Amino acid sequence: MAGSEEPVAGIGLPEGDPDAVIDATANLDRMAGGFERAGHGFRRAVSSLPAWLGLASVAFDATASAYEQSAEEARAATDRARVAARVYAEELRESRERVRRLQRDARELEREIEEAERKANAAAEREREVRARTQDALLVAPLDGGGFSLADAARAEDAAEERRRWERVAEERREELERVRGEAEEEHREVRGAERRAALAVQDAAAEFPRIEGSAVPGTGRPAPERILDRYQVAEDEIVNWPPFPASLFKSEKMTRTEADLLNTLSGLKLLDFEDIRDDAGSVAAQNYPGTSEETQDGHQDAFRHTYWNVLLARRYGDTFARKFTSAHEGVPANPAAREAMDLHNNEVGRRIASDNPDADADELAALVRRAVERGDTIVVDRDGKLVYSDGIAEGETGYADEDVTDPGGKPAEPADSDDQAAGTGS
């Protein structure tokens, strides 16, 4: 099976089976064709409407047209995924072929190194034998063995020069072998980069796959912002000072009781990391969407900050702790309903990014969050105080949630329990 070959001369092939990826693209191609045929079917159904009368035709036209558009969006998304996968398959195939050539070069270099070492050892043995004979001759006939010893000394020097020459050849071949192995490792890095790019492209395509819901933004498959406003709310919680006395003599901040209870489950390094994570989320958000926190509240920087904060919390403490803490964070009394829904929704987007990308590093995760904001996975507030998807309004054109419109309802915050401190990574 491709991708499972044994290493040659210390060089393994890049992992992956190009043929399997090509098979997957063929399946995606068939899926795209199916969506295209479905769209044509809906179009033909709509074209029959002139023969209908009354409100039924209006309702059917709206429904069938929505399904036709969804089928076209699904076809386009599937086609983008297919193209990304095919590009990766070709890059993987070409890289594996280049590495095979490097394997052949490395195998030949190993043979040449072995041959050079064999000849160097043979020359060294001749040198030792000649020098030994010379020494013996001097011991047996110290006065009249000079001629013999001088001739042997010359032969010994010739053997030594041959040994040094083959040792240089072996060293040159070893250096060349290391260069070839380095070139192969670079191929591996390139393939891993191509794989990540393909995965992100497929992920982007999947995010654009339509979801047909009764209360969705037309043509997007996304829930209407009004539905998010209604769904993403938590109950108000009591405000307390944390940490408790006597630690509060040195530092104290106000937070909900559930937040404080959750922080009390953390110990050691996890508690020390908590503030760093919050600071990192703020600084990286400001790098991506400049402006002060007051200027950008409820805007794109705020959406990025909450999303990235949850990525980092979930990565460090686990999804459950991140969900409980950031939901409890929104339970402050009189929290504006639009701001609360925006933050809770964006928090969820961040935790999903963390879950879907367990091997991504911090820069890659920040890029994924930026992409989520730009393609409208996140929510911001417009100048009328209403929720809108982040790709539907320009940066700097956002507004603020109405401070007078609150929703004290919603689900109560999830309490802390003994399992919360065991999640995540590290000590």
Protein backbone atom coordinates (compact mmCIF):
# COMPACT_ATOMS: atom_id res chain seq x y z
CA MET A 1 0.00 0.00 0.00
CA ALA A 2 1.29 3.47 -0.85
CA GLY A 3 2.65 5.35 2.13
CA SER A 4 3.83 2.20 3.95
CA GLU A 5 7.16 1.54 2.19
CA GLU A 6 10.22 0.97 4.37
CA PRO A 7 12.79 3.81 4.56
CA VAL A 8 15.73 3.61 2.16
CA ALA A 9 19.13 4.89 3.31
CA GLY A 10 17.42 6.60 6.23
CA ILE A 11 14.88 8.33 3.98
CA GLY A 12 11.17 7.53 4.17
CA LEU A 13 8.53 8.53 1.66
CA PRO A 14 6.04 11.26 2.59
CA GLU A 15 3.00 9.64 4.18
CA GLY A 16 -0.18 9.43 2.17
CA ASP A 17 -1.69 7.62 -0.76
CA PRO A 18 -2.21 9.88 -3.80
CA ASP A 19 -4.45 7.29 -5.45
CA ALA A 20 -6.75 7.20 -2.42
CA VAL A 21 -7.00 11.01 -2.51
CA ILE A 22 -7.80 10.86 -6.24
CA ASP A 23 -10.54 8.30 -5.49
CA ALA A 24 -11.96 10.72 -2.92
CA THR A 25 -11.97 13.54 -5.49
CA ALA A 26 -13.87 11.27 -7.88
CA ASN A 27 -16.51 10.73 -5.19
CA LEU A 28 -16.69 14.48 -4.60
CA ASP A 29 -17.07 14.97 -8.35
CA ARG A 30 -20.03 12.59 -8.37
CA MET A 31 -21.54 14.43 -5.39
CA ALA A 32 -21.18 17.77 -7.18
CA GLY A 33 -22.91 16.30 -10.23
CA GLY A 34 -25.74 15.04 -8.03
CA PHE A 35 -26.27 18.47 -6.51
CA GLU A 36 -26.22 20.03 -9.97
CA ARG A 37 -28.91 17.62 -11.21
CA ALA A 38 -30.99 18.31 -8.09
CA GLY A 39 -30.76 22.03 -8.74
CA HIS A 40 -31.97 21.54 -12.30
CA GLY A 41 -34.86 19.51 -10.95
CA PHE A 42 -35.92 22.31 -8.63
CA ARG A 43 -35.57 24.77 -11.50
CA ARG A 44 -37.88 22.67 -13.69
CA ALA A 45 -40.38 22.48 -10.83
CA VAL A 46 -40.38 26.25 -10.46
CA SER A 47 -40.81 26.71 -14.22
CA SER A 48 -44.16 24.88 -14.00
CA LEU A 49 -45.61 27.54 -11.68
CA PRO A 50 -47.39 29.67 -14.33
CA ALA A 51 -50.01 26.93 -14.57
CA TRP A 52 -50.77 27.30 -10.85
CA LEU A 53 -53.01 29.82 -9.18
CA GLY A 54 -53.23 31.32 -5.73
CA LEU A 55 -50.95 31.48 -2.69
CA ALA A 56 -49.77 27.87 -3.08
CA SER A 57 -47.73 28.82 -6.13
CA VAL A 58 -46.05 31.67 -4.23
CA ALA A 59 -45.13 29.38 -1.33
CA PHE A 60 -43.86 26.67 -3.66
CA ASP A 61 -41.82 29.15 -5.68
CA ALA A 62 -40.09 30.42 -2.52
CA THR A 63 -39.42 26.92 -1.19
CA ALA A 64 -38.26 25.38 -4.48
CA SER A 65 -36.10 28.40 -5.28
CA ALA A 66 -34.44 28.14 -1.85
CA TYR A 67 -33.72 24.46 -2.41
CA GLU A 68 -32.38 25.18 -5.88
CA GLN A 69 -30.03 27.81 -4.47
CA SER A 70 -28.96 25.44 -1.68
CA ALA A 71 -28.24 22.73 -4.24
CA GLU A 72 -26.09 25.16 -6.24
CA GLU A 73 -24.22 26.24 -3.08
CA ALA A 74 -23.67 22.60 -2.17
CA ARG A 75 -22.36 21.87 -5.68
CA ALA A 76 -19.99 24.85 -5.54
CA ALA A 77 -18.73 23.93 -2.06
CA THR A 78 -18.22 20.30 -3.06
CA ASP A 79 -16.39 21.36 -6.21
CA ARG A 80 -14.03 23.58 -4.19
CA ALA A 81 -13.29 20.68 -1.87
CA ARG A 82 -12.65 18.43 -4.89
CA VAL A 83 -10.22 20.91 -6.45
CA ALA A 84 -8.32 21.33 -3.17
CA ALA A 85 -8.06 17.57 -2.71
CA ARG A 86 -6.88 17.02 -6.29
CA VAL A 87 -4.19 19.70 -5.99
CA TYR A 88 -2.97 18.02 -2.80
CA ALA A 89 -3.00 14.58 -4.47
CA GLU A 90 -0.81 15.85 -7.31
CA GLU A 91 1.58 17.61 -4.92
CA LEU A 92 1.81 14.42 -2.83
CA ARG A 93 2.41 12.25 -5.89
CA GLU A 94 5.13 14.53 -7.26
CA SER A 95 6.81 14.84 -3.85
CA ARG A 96 6.86 11.07 -3.34
CA GLU A 97 8.47 10.67 -6.77
CA ARG A 98 11.12 13.28 -5.95
CA VAL A 99 11.84 11.52 -2.66
CA ARG A 100 12.15 8.19 -4.48
CA ARG A 101 14.87 9.77 -6.64
CA LEU A 102 16.55 11.05 -3.50
CA GLN A 103 16.33 7.55 -2.03
CA ARG A 104 18.14 6.17 -5.08
CA ASP A 105 20.81 8.87 -4.79
CA ALA A 106 21.20 8.15 -1.08
CA ARG A 107 21.48 4.41 -1.64
CA GLU A 108 24.22 4.99 -4.25
CA LEU A 109 26.03 7.35 -1.88
CA GLU A 110 25.90 4.75 0.87
CA ARG A 111 27.43 2.23 -1.57
CA GLU A 112 30.18 4.69 -2.48
CA ILE A 113 30.85 5.44 1.20
CA GLU A 114 31.13 1.74 1.93
CA GLU A 115 33.51 1.24 -1.02
CA ALA A 116 35.65 4.23 -0.05
CA GLU A 117 35.85 3.02 3.56
CA ARG A 118 36.81 -0.47 2.35
CA LYS A 119 39.64 0.95 0.20
CA ALA A 120 40.79 3.27 2.98
CA ASN A 121 40.94 0.32 5.39
CA ALA A 122 42.89 -1.78 2.85
CA ALA A 123 45.39 1.05 2.33
CA ALA A 124 45.71 1.47 6.09
CA GLU A 125 46.43 -2.25 6.44
CA ARG A 126 49.15 -2.07 3.75
CA GLU A 127 50.64 0.94 5.51
CA ARG A 128 50.77 -0.95 8.81
CA GLU A 129 52.34 -4.03 7.18
CA VAL A 130 55.05 -2.01 5.40
CA ARG A 131 55.90 -0.01 8.51
CA ALA A 132 56.07 -3.23 10.52
CA ARG A 133 58.51 -4.79 8.00
CA THR A 134 60.63 -1.65 8.13
CA GLN A 135 60.77 -1.81 11.90
CA ASP A 136 61.69 -5.49 11.83
CA ALA A 137 64.48 -4.85 9.29
CA LEU A 138 66.00 -2.15 11.45
CA LEU A 139 65.95 -4.41 14.48
CA VAL A 140 67.59 -7.38 12.65
CA ALA A 141 70.22 -5.44 10.65
CA PRO A 142 70.43 -1.91 11.94
CA LEU A 143 73.55 -1.06 9.91
CA ASP A 144 72.88 -2.56 6.51
CA GLY A 145 69.05 -2.46 6.39
CA GLY A 146 68.79 1.20 5.55
CA GLY A 147 68.15 0.73 1.86
CA PHE A 148 65.38 -1.74 2.51
CA SER A 149 63.76 0.50 5.18
CA LEU A 150 63.86 3.61 2.96
CA ALA A 151 62.12 1.78 0.12
CA ASP A 152 59.50 0.43 2.49
CA ALA A 153 59.08 3.87 4.04
CA ALA A 154 58.24 5.23 0.58
CA ARG A 155 55.73 2.44 0.04
CA ALA A 156 54.25 3.12 3.47
CA GLU A 157 53.83 6.81 2.61
CA ASP A 158 52.15 5.90 -0.69
CA ALA A 159 49.73 3.65 1.22
CA ALA A 160 49.09 6.43 3.75
CA GLU A 161 48.35 8.91 0.96
CA GLU A 162 45.93 6.43 -0.63
CA ARG A 163 44.24 5.95 2.77
CA ARG A 164 43.84 9.70 3.22
CA ARG A 165 42.47 10.09 -0.30
CA TRP A 166 39.79 7.43 0.25
CA GLU A 167 38.97 8.88 3.67
CA ARG A 168 38.37 12.26 1.97
CA VAL A 169 36.17 10.57 -0.61
CA ALA A 170 34.16 8.86 2.14
CA GLU A 171 33.77 12.15 4.04
CA GLU A 172 32.65 14.00 0.89
CA ARG A 173 30.07 11.28 0.19
CA ARG A 174 28.83 11.44 3.78
CA GLU A 175 28.36 15.21 3.47
CA GLU A 176 26.50 14.68 0.20
CA LEU A 177 24.33 12.04 1.86
CA GLU A 178 23.40 14.46 4.64
CA ARG A 179 22.50 17.06 2.02
CA VAL A 180 20.27 14.55 0.21
CA ARG A 181 18.61 13.57 3.50
CA GLY A 182 18.04 17.26 4.29
CA GLU A 183 16.45 17.72 0.86
CA ALA A 184 14.17 14.76 1.58
CA GLU A 185 13.19 16.25 4.95
CA GLU A 186 12.34 19.52 3.19
CA GLU A 187 10.08 17.55 0.84
CA HIS A 188 8.35 16.10 3.91
CA ARG A 189 7.81 19.61 5.29
CA GLU A 190 6.43 20.81 1.96
CA VAL A 191 3.99 17.90 1.82
CA ARG A 192 2.83 18.55 5.38
CA GLY A 193 2.26 22.18 4.42
CA ALA A 194 0.32 21.11 1.33
CA GLU A 195 -1.75 18.77 3.47
CA ARG A 196 -2.59 21.57 5.93
CA ARG A 197 -3.52 23.92 3.06
CA ALA A 198 -5.77 21.28 1.54
CA ALA A 199 -7.37 20.55 4.91
CA LEU A 200 -8.09 24.25 5.46
CA ALA A 201 -9.51 24.60 1.94
CA VAL A 202 -11.77 21.57 2.46
CA GLN A 203 -12.75 22.95 5.87
CA ASP A 204 -13.63 26.29 4.28
CA ALA A 205 -15.70 24.51 1.65
CA ALA A 206 -17.48 22.46 4.30
CA ALA A 207 -18.30 25.64 6.24
CA GLU A 208 -20.00 27.01 3.12
CA PHE A 209 -22.12 23.90 2.74
CA PRO A 210 -25.72 25.06 3.11
CA ARG A 211 -27.87 24.10 6.07
CA ILE A 212 -31.56 24.33 5.27
CA GLU A 213 -33.42 25.61 8.30
CA GLY A 214 -36.75 27.23 8.69
CA SER A 215 -35.29 30.40 10.20
CA ALA A 216 -32.11 30.84 8.21
CA VAL A 217 -30.50 33.78 6.45
CA PRO A 218 -31.67 33.34 2.84
CA GLY A 219 -29.02 31.84 0.60
CA THR A 220 -26.55 31.11 3.40
CA GLY A 221 -27.98 28.22 5.41
CA ARG A 222 -27.00 30.12 8.59
CA PRO A 223 -29.44 30.67 11.47
CA ALA A 224 -31.02 34.10 11.44
CA PRO A 225 -29.38 36.50 13.95
CA GLU A 226 -32.74 36.86 15.70
CA ARG A 227 -32.66 33.14 16.43
CA ILE A 228 -29.14 33.43 17.85
CA LEU A 229 -30.28 36.34 20.03
CA ASP A 230 -33.05 34.18 21.46
CA ARG A 231 -31.01 31.00 21.83
CA TYR A 232 -27.71 32.24 23.25
CA GLN A 233 -28.61 33.58 26.68
CA VAL A 234 -27.68 32.53 30.23
CA ALA A 235 -29.32 33.31 33.56
CA GLU A 236 -27.93 36.08 35.76
CA ASP A 237 -25.50 35.05 38.50
CA GLU A 238 -24.31 36.57 41.76
CA ILE A 239 -21.20 38.79 41.63
CA VAL A 240 -18.37 38.01 44.08
CA ASN A 241 -14.78 39.02 44.69
CA TRP A 242 -12.08 36.52 43.72
CA PRO A 243 -9.76 35.20 45.01
CA PRO A 244 -11.09 34.75 48.57
CA PHE A 245 -9.44 36.29 51.64
CA PRO A 246 -6.51 36.46 52.43
CA ALA A 247 -5.27 36.18 48.81
CA SER A 248 -7.63 39.05 47.94
CA LEU A 249 -5.39 41.39 49.96
CA PHE A 250 -2.89 41.27 47.10
CA LYS A 251 -5.19 41.09 44.08
CA SER A 252 -8.94 40.93 43.64
CA GLU A 253 -11.43 41.17 40.80
CA LYS A 254 -15.20 40.92 40.51
CA MET A 255 -16.74 38.00 38.67
CA THR A 256 -19.74 35.72 38.80
CA ARG A 257 -19.86 33.15 41.57
CA THR A 258 -19.73 30.31 39.04
CA GLU A 259 -16.58 31.76 37.44
CA ALA A 260 -14.97 31.95 40.88
CA ASP A 261 -15.99 28.38 41.72
CA LEU A 262 -14.49 27.15 38.46
CA LEU A 263 -11.21 29.00 39.03
CA ASN A 264 -11.04 27.43 42.48
CA THR A 265 -10.90 23.99 40.81
CA LEU A 266 -7.64 24.93 39.05
CA SER A 267 -4.32 24.33 40.67
CA GLY A 268 -0.64 25.09 40.11
CA LEU A 269 0.42 25.96 36.58
CA LYS A 270 -3.14 25.89 35.23
CA LEU A 271 -4.10 28.84 37.42
CA LEU A 272 -0.91 30.71 36.52
CA ASP A 273 -1.62 30.21 32.81
CA PHE A 274 -5.18 31.53 33.03
CA GLU A 275 -4.32 35.23 33.03
CA ASP A 276 -1.69 34.76 30.30
CA ILE A 277 -4.33 33.16 28.07
CA ARG A 278 -6.68 36.11 28.58
CA ASP A 279 -3.87 38.58 27.79
CA ASP A 280 -2.78 36.59 24.71
CA ALA A 281 -6.34 36.56 23.37
CA GLY A 282 -6.55 40.34 23.72
CA SER A 283 -3.15 41.11 22.18
CA VAL A 284 -3.58 38.76 19.20
CA ALA A 285 -7.07 40.17 18.60
CA ALA A 286 -5.65 43.71 18.56
CA GLN A 287 -2.92 42.64 16.12
CA ASN A 288 -5.56 41.30 13.72
CA TYR A 289 -8.13 44.07 14.22
CA PRO A 290 -6.42 47.22 15.58
CA GLY A 291 -8.15 49.62 17.93
CA THR A 292 -8.75 50.03 21.65
CA SER A 293 -11.04 47.56 23.40
CA GLU A 294 -13.55 50.38 23.98
CA GLU A 295 -13.58 51.34 20.29
CA THR A 296 -13.93 47.77 19.09
CA GLN A 297 -16.37 46.40 21.67
CA ASP A 298 -19.07 44.34 19.96
CA GLY A 299 -17.08 44.55 16.70
CA HIS A 300 -14.66 42.35 14.78
CA GLN A 301 -11.82 42.60 17.30
CA ASP A 302 -14.23 41.60 20.07
CA ALA A 303 -15.47 38.65 18.00
CA PHE A 304 -11.89 37.53 17.34
CA ARG A 305 -10.93 37.94 21.01
CA HIS A 306 -13.77 35.80 22.34
CA THR A 307 -13.27 33.15 19.68
CA TYR A 308 -9.50 32.93 20.19
CA TRP A 309 -9.90 33.05 24.00
CA ASN A 310 -12.07 29.95 23.83
CA VAL A 311 -9.62 28.23 21.47
CA LEU A 312 -6.84 28.74 24.03
CA LEU A 313 -8.99 27.84 27.04
CA ALA A 314 -10.20 24.64 25.41
CA ARG A 315 -6.66 23.73 24.38
CA ARG A 316 -5.31 24.30 27.92
CA TYR A 317 -8.18 23.22 30.18
CA GLY A 318 -10.47 21.14 27.97
CA ASP A 319 -13.75 21.86 26.21
CA THR A 320 -15.95 21.36 29.28
CA PHE A 321 -14.11 23.86 31.48
CA ALA A 322 -13.92 26.39 28.62
CA ARG A 323 -17.66 26.09 27.96
CA LYS A 324 -18.62 26.37 31.62
CA PHE A 325 -16.33 29.29 32.40
CA THR A 326 -17.04 31.45 29.34
CA SER A 327 -20.79 30.84 29.66
CA ALA A 328 -20.67 31.79 33.34
CA HIS A 329 -18.69 34.91 32.33
CA GLU A 330 -21.78 36.20 30.51
CA GLY A 331 -24.01 35.79 33.59
CA VAL A 332 -23.26 39.27 34.94
CA PRO A 333 -26.49 41.10 35.87
CA ALA A 334 -27.95 43.44 33.23
CA ASN A 335 -25.67 42.11 30.49
CA PRO A 336 -27.02 43.52 27.18
CA ALA A 337 -28.84 40.71 25.37
CA ALA A 338 -27.15 41.29 21.99
CA ARG A 339 -23.66 41.37 23.54
CA GLU A 340 -24.39 38.24 25.57
CA ALA A 341 -25.64 36.32 22.52
CA MET A 342 -22.72 37.53 20.39
CA ASP A 343 -20.15 36.44 22.96
CA LEU A 344 -21.76 33.06 23.69
CA HIS A 345 -22.05 32.29 19.97
CA ASN A 346 -18.44 33.30 19.23
CA ASN A 347 -17.22 31.33 22.26
CA GLU A 348 -18.81 28.23 20.74
CA VAL A 349 -17.11 28.89 17.39
CA GLY A 350 -13.74 29.04 19.17
CA ARG A 351 -14.22 25.76 21.01
CA ARG A 352 -15.22 24.09 17.75
CA ILE A 353 -12.03 25.35 16.08
CA ALA A 354 -9.96 23.93 18.95
CA SER A 355 -11.73 20.58 18.70
CA ASP A 356 -11.39 20.37 14.92
CA ASN A 357 -7.67 21.26 14.90
CA PRO A 358 -5.95 19.42 17.76
CA ASP A 359 -2.50 19.52 16.12
CA ALA A 360 -2.48 23.18 15.04
CA ASP A 361 0.02 25.55 16.65
CA ALA A 362 -0.83 28.99 18.04
CA ASP A 363 -0.20 30.84 14.74
CA GLU A 364 -2.30 28.35 12.79
CA LEU A 365 -5.13 28.63 15.34
CA ALA A 366 -5.04 32.43 15.14
CA ALA A 367 -5.22 32.17 11.33
CA LEU A 368 -8.22 29.84 11.63
CA VAL A 369 -9.97 32.33 13.93
CA ARG A 370 -9.23 35.18 11.51
CA ARG A 371 -10.70 33.09 8.71
CA ALA A 372 -13.79 32.36 10.81
CA VAL A 373 -14.35 36.08 11.40
CA GLU A 374 -13.82 36.97 7.74
CA ARG A 375 -16.14 34.30 6.35
CA GLY A 376 -18.91 35.12 8.82
CA ASP A 377 -18.82 32.23 11.25
CA THR A 378 -18.85 34.81 14.04
CA ILE A 379 -21.37 37.46 15.08
CA VAL A 380 -20.95 41.23 15.66
CA VAL A 381 -23.35 44.11 16.45
CA ASP A 382 -24.37 46.69 13.83
CA ARG A 383 -25.02 50.39 14.42
CA ASP A 384 -28.68 49.71 15.18
CA GLY A 385 -27.62 47.45 18.04
CA LYS A 386 -28.68 44.31 16.18
CA LEU A 387 -26.72 41.11 15.60
CA VAL A 388 -25.20 40.54 12.17
CA TYR A 389 -22.74 38.01 10.80
CA SER A 390 -19.19 39.33 10.75
CA ASP A 391 -18.87 39.03 6.96
CA GLY A 392 -21.98 41.17 6.48
CA ILE A 393 -20.52 44.42 7.82
CA ALA A 394 -17.17 46.13 7.28
CA GLU A 395 -14.60 46.45 10.02
CA GLY A 396 -15.06 49.80 11.74
CA GLU A 397 -18.72 50.03 10.73
CA THR A 398 -20.04 48.06 13.71
CA GLY A 399 -21.97 49.55 16.62
CA TYR A 400 -22.76 48.68 20.21
CA ALA A 401 -25.32 46.50 21.92
CA ASP A 402 -28.23 48.41 23.47
CA GLU A 403 -27.41 48.58 27.18
CA ASP A 404 -31.11 48.89 28.04
CA VAL A 405 -32.17 45.67 26.30
CA THR A 406 -31.32 42.76 28.57
CA ASP A 407 -32.58 39.23 28.89
CA PRO A 408 -32.28 37.92 32.45
CA GLY A 409 -33.63 34.57 31.34
CA GLY A 410 -31.70 31.73 29.74
CA LYS A 411 -30.12 28.63 31.19
CA PRO A 412 -28.44 28.80 34.60
CA ALA A 413 -24.65 28.55 34.52
CA GLU A 414 -23.28 25.04 34.85
CA PRO A 415 -21.76 24.56 38.31
CA ALA A 416 -18.13 23.61 38.90
CA ASP A 417 -17.45 19.99 39.81
CA SER A 418 -14.46 17.82 40.64
CA ASP A 419 -13.96 16.75 37.02
CA ASP A 420 -13.27 20.28 35.79
CA GLN A 421 -9.69 20.43 37.08
CA ALA A 422 -8.73 17.18 35.34
CA ALA A 423 -9.35 18.36 31.80
CA GLY A 424 -6.96 19.93 29.30
CA THR A 425 -3.22 19.52 28.86
CA GLY A 426 -0.27 19.99 31.14
CA SER A 427 0.01 20.17 34.95
